[in-house]
């Protein structure tokens, strides 16, 4: 199986590597003050200021700056934003994990640290279920 972001078709390990780069860009945007810092991302998801936006047909993976401007994003965007926020708060192992929710459908969630339950910022942002 593969994920198809706007750069082309990728294997799951390749997509997770690309998403770790997106998390790094998001952390840089937080550090530069380009987006709200602290727990603003999580708080905005819980308050409904940022929300899950159903799949982007082009699979353009957005940076935090783009997510804030759009008022939300799809699962990869939200998982990468949450992972960056966690890393900025001192959780160095936070990362995006992709899993097959059902045949032909992959979903992105955030792992805070190995062995801990995954967090799903898309559900926090209003997604009812994968698919």
C-alpha atoms as a PDB file:
ATOM      1  CA  UNK A   1       0.000   0.000   0.000  1.00  0.00           C
ATOM      2  CA  UNK A   2       1.079   3.580  -0.512  1.00  0.00           C
ATOM      3  CA  UNK A   3       0.076   7.112   0.328  1.00  0.00           C
ATOM      4  CA  UNK A   4      -0.219   9.678  -2.455  1.00  0.00           C
ATOM      5  CA  UNK A   5       0.786  13.175  -1.298  1.00  0.00           C
ATOM      6  CA  UNK A   6       1.099  15.899  -3.897  1.00  0.00           C
ATOM      7  CA  UNK A   7       4.730  14.926  -4.584  1.00  0.00           C
ATOM      8  CA  UNK A   8       3.708  11.493  -5.889  1.00  0.00           C
ATOM      9  CA  UNK A   9       3.136   7.958  -4.690  1.00  0.00           C
ATOM     10  CA  UNK A  10       5.123   6.971  -1.577  1.00  0.00           C
ATOM     11  CA  UNK A  11       5.524   3.837   0.496  1.00  0.00           C
ATOM     12  CA  UNK A  12       4.362   4.135   4.099  1.00  0.00           C
ATOM     13  CA  UNK A  13       7.956   4.417   5.449  1.00  0.00           C
ATOM     14  CA  UNK A  14       8.687   7.120   2.842  1.00  0.00           C
ATOM     15  CA  UNK A  15       5.517   9.017   3.765  1.00  0.00           C
ATOM     16  CA  UNK A  16       6.372   8.819   7.481  1.00  0.00           C
ATOM     17  CA  UNK A  17       9.871  10.155   6.715  1.00  0.00           C
ATOM     18  CA  UNK A  18       8.375  13.051   4.761  1.00  0.00           C
ATOM     19  CA  UNK A  19       5.940  13.733   7.612  1.00  0.00           C
ATOM     20  CA  UNK A  20       8.835  13.842  10.098  1.00  0.00           C
ATOM     21  CA  UNK A  21      10.272  16.616   7.918  1.00  0.00           C
ATOM     22  CA  UNK A  22       6.932  18.434   8.076  1.00  0.00           C
ATOM     23  CA  UNK A  23       7.018  18.122  11.874  1.00  0.00           C
ATOM     24  CA  UNK A  24      10.505  19.716  11.816  1.00  0.00           C
ATOM     25  CA  UNK A  25       9.249  22.620   9.659  1.00  0.00           C
ATOM     26  CA  UNK A  26       6.323  23.070  12.041  1.00  0.00           C
ATOM     27  CA  UNK A  27       8.684  23.169  15.033  1.00  0.00           C
ATOM     28  CA  UNK A  28      10.732  25.836  13.256  1.00  0.00           C
ATOM     29  CA  UNK A  29       7.581  27.890  12.650  1.00  0.00           C
ATOM     30  CA  UNK A  30       6.723  27.595  16.363  1.00  0.00           C
ATOM     31  CA  UNK A  31      10.268  28.610  17.384  1.00  0.00           C
ATOM     32  CA  UNK A  32      10.229  31.585  15.006  1.00  0.00           C
ATOM     33  CA  UNK A  33       6.894  32.775  16.384  1.00  0.00           C
ATOM     34  CA  UNK A  34       5.226  32.342  12.984  1.00  0.00           C
ATOM     35  CA  UNK A  35       2.385  30.446  14.660  1.00  0.00           C
ATOM     36  CA  UNK A  36       1.020  30.465  18.220  1.00  0.00           C
ATOM     37  CA  UNK A  37       3.223  28.573  20.655  1.00  0.00           C
ATOM     38  CA  UNK A  38       2.672  26.608  23.835  1.00  0.00           C
ATOM     39  CA  UNK A  39      -0.390  24.425  23.753  1.00  0.00           C
ATOM     40  CA  UNK A  40      -2.256  26.757  21.398  1.00  0.00           C
ATOM     41  CA  UNK A  41      -2.687  24.097  18.693  1.00  0.00           C
ATOM     42  CA  UNK A  42      -4.289  21.569  21.051  1.00  0.00           C
ATOM     43  CA  UNK A  43      -6.375  24.258  22.723  1.00  0.00           C
ATOM     44  CA  UNK A  44      -7.607  25.506  19.327  1.00  0.00           C
ATOM     45  CA  UNK A  45      -8.615  21.962  18.326  1.00  0.00           C
ATOM     46  CA  UNK A  46     -10.514  21.461  21.578  1.00  0.00           C
ATOM     47  CA  UNK A  47     -12.200  24.875  21.273  1.00  0.00           C
ATOM     48  CA  UNK A  48     -13.204  24.335  17.640  1.00  0.00           C
ATOM     49  CA  UNK A  49     -10.973  27.166  16.352  1.00  0.00           C
ATOM     50  CA  UNK A  50      -9.050  24.610  14.291  1.00  0.00           C
ATOM     51  CA  UNK A  51     -10.923  21.671  12.822  1.00  0.00           C
ATOM     52  CA  UNK A  52     -10.586  18.535  10.784  1.00  0.00           C
ATOM     53  CA  UNK A  53     -11.210  19.330   7.123  1.00  0.00           C
ATOM     54  CA  UNK A  54     -12.132  16.328   5.005  1.00  0.00           C
ATOM     55  CA  UNK A  55      -9.468  15.016   2.666  1.00  0.00           C
ATOM     56  CA  UNK A  56      -7.688  17.326   0.335  1.00  0.00           C
ATOM     57  CA  UNK A  57      -7.941  15.617  -3.093  1.00  0.00           C
ATOM     58  CA  UNK A  58      -4.439  16.838  -3.986  1.00  0.00           C
ATOM     59  CA  UNK A  59      -2.999  15.641  -0.646  1.00  0.00           C
ATOM     60  CA  UNK A  60      -1.130  18.903  -0.136  1.00  0.00           C
ATOM     61  CA  UNK A  61       0.417  18.461   3.321  1.00  0.00           C
ATOM     62  CA  UNK A  62       0.185  21.836   5.061  1.00  0.00           C
ATOM     63  CA  UNK A  63       2.601  23.479   7.457  1.00  0.00           C
ATOM     64  CA  UNK A  64       1.292  24.871  10.742  1.00  0.00           C
ATOM     65  CA  UNK A  65       1.172  28.342   9.221  1.00  0.00           C
ATOM     66  CA  UNK A  66      -1.108  27.021   6.470  1.00  0.00           C
ATOM     67  CA  UNK A  67      -3.252  25.061   8.947  1.00  0.00           C
ATOM     68  CA  UNK A  68      -3.839  28.195  11.041  1.00  0.00           C
ATOM     69  CA  UNK A  69      -4.646  30.222   7.911  1.00  0.00           C
ATOM     70  CA  UNK A  70      -7.092  27.568   6.640  1.00  0.00           C
ATOM     71  CA  UNK A  71      -8.712  27.008  10.036  1.00  0.00           C
ATOM     72  CA  UNK A  72      -7.712  23.343  10.041  1.00  0.00           C
ATOM     73  CA  UNK A  73      -6.485  20.512   7.885  1.00  0.00           C
ATOM     74  CA  UNK A  74      -6.745  16.826   7.153  1.00  0.00           C
ATOM     75  CA  UNK A  75      -5.313  14.038   9.290  1.00  0.00           C
ATOM     76  CA  UNK A  76      -1.665  14.410   8.195  1.00  0.00           C
ATOM     77  CA  UNK A  77      -1.731  18.172   8.725  1.00  0.00           C
ATOM     78  CA  UNK A  78      -3.235  17.901  12.209  1.00  0.00           C
ATOM     79  CA  UNK A  79      -1.058  14.982  13.315  1.00  0.00           C
ATOM     80  CA  UNK A  80       2.109  16.806  12.172  1.00  0.00           C
ATOM     81  CA  UNK A  81       1.004  19.993  13.939  1.00  0.00           C
ATOM     82  CA  UNK A  82       0.289  18.151  17.167  1.00  0.00           C
ATOM     83  CA  UNK A  83       3.603  16.236  17.013  1.00  0.00           C
ATOM     84  CA  UNK A  84       5.474  19.534  16.541  1.00  0.00           C
ATOM     85  CA  UNK A  85       3.664  21.084  19.496  1.00  0.00           C
ATOM     86  CA  UNK A  86       4.541  18.067  21.660  1.00  0.00           C
ATOM     87  CA  UNK A  87       8.191  18.192  20.608  1.00  0.00           C
ATOM     88  CA  UNK A  88       8.302  21.917  21.402  1.00  0.00           C
ATOM     89  CA  UNK A  89       6.917  21.079  24.858  1.00  0.00           C
ATOM     90  CA  UNK A  90       9.722  18.577  25.527  1.00  0.00           C
ATOM     91  CA  UNK A  91       8.422  15.290  24.104  1.00  0.00           C
ATOM     92  CA  UNK A  92      11.276  14.493  21.681  1.00  0.00           C
ATOM     93  CA  UNK A  93       9.838  11.162  20.515  1.00  0.00           C
ATOM     94  CA  UNK A  94       6.499  12.558  19.347  1.00  0.00           C
ATOM     95  CA  UNK A  95       5.904  11.608  15.714  1.00  0.00           C
ATOM     96  CA  UNK A  96       3.287  10.982  13.059  1.00  0.00           C
ATOM     97  CA  UNK A  97       2.202   7.376  12.564  1.00  0.00           C
ATOM     98  CA  UNK A  98       0.242   6.135   9.549  1.00  0.00           C
ATOM     99  CA  UNK A  99      -2.033   3.105   9.814  1.00  0.00           C
ATOM    100  CA  UNK A 100      -4.524   1.424   7.537  1.00  0.00           C
ATOM    101  CA  UNK A 101      -7.969   2.365   8.860  1.00  0.00           C
ATOM    102  CA  UNK A 102      -9.689   0.174   6.268  1.00  0.00           C
ATOM    103  CA  UNK A 103      -8.751  -1.213   2.845  1.00  0.00           C
ATOM    104  CA  UNK A 104      -7.460   1.609   0.686  1.00  0.00           C
ATOM    105  CA  UNK A 105      -7.678   4.217   3.460  1.00  0.00           C
ATOM    106  CA  UNK A 106      -4.705   5.332   5.541  1.00  0.00           C
ATOM    107  CA  UNK A 107      -5.010   7.585   8.574  1.00  0.00           C
ATOM    108  CA  UNK A 108      -2.417   9.714  10.396  1.00  0.00           C
ATOM    109  CA  UNK A 109      -2.269   9.967  14.182  1.00  0.00           C
ATOM    110  CA  UNK A 110       0.318  11.185  16.684  1.00  0.00           C
ATOM    111  CA  UNK A 111       2.470   8.976  18.884  1.00  0.00           C
ATOM    112  CA  UNK A 112       3.755  10.841  21.940  1.00  0.00           C
ATOM    113  CA  UNK A 113       6.320   8.186  22.867  1.00  0.00           C
ATOM    114  CA  UNK A 114       6.828   4.495  22.054  1.00  0.00           C
ATOM    115  CA  UNK A 115       4.401   2.324  23.991  1.00  0.00           C
ATOM    116  CA  UNK A 116       1.911   5.095  24.770  1.00  0.00           C
ATOM    117  CA  UNK A 117      -1.534   5.139  23.132  1.00  0.00           C
ATOM    118  CA  UNK A 118      -1.776   7.135  19.941  1.00  0.00           C
ATOM    119  CA  UNK A 119      -3.633  10.450  19.933  1.00  0.00           C
ATOM    120  CA  UNK A 120      -5.934  11.393  17.087  1.00  0.00           C
ATOM    121  CA  UNK A 121      -6.102  15.177  16.607  1.00  0.00           C
ATOM    122  CA  UNK A 122      -8.493  14.668  13.671  1.00  0.00           C
ATOM    123  CA  UNK A 123     -11.140  13.261  16.012  1.00  0.00           C
ATOM    124  CA  UNK A 124     -10.516  16.118  18.442  1.00  0.00           C
ATOM    125  CA  UNK A 125     -11.027  18.450  15.473  1.00  0.00           C
ATOM    126  CA  UNK A 126     -14.382  16.946  14.559  1.00  0.00           C
ATOM    127  CA  UNK A 127     -13.713  13.887  12.405  1.00  0.00           C
ATOM    128  CA  UNK A 128     -16.323  11.239  13.134  1.00  0.00           C
ATOM    129  CA  UNK A 129     -14.300   8.272  11.913  1.00  0.00           C
ATOM    130  CA  UNK A 130     -11.862   7.312   9.175  1.00  0.00           C
ATOM    131  CA  UNK A 131     -13.596   7.039   5.841  1.00  0.00           C
END
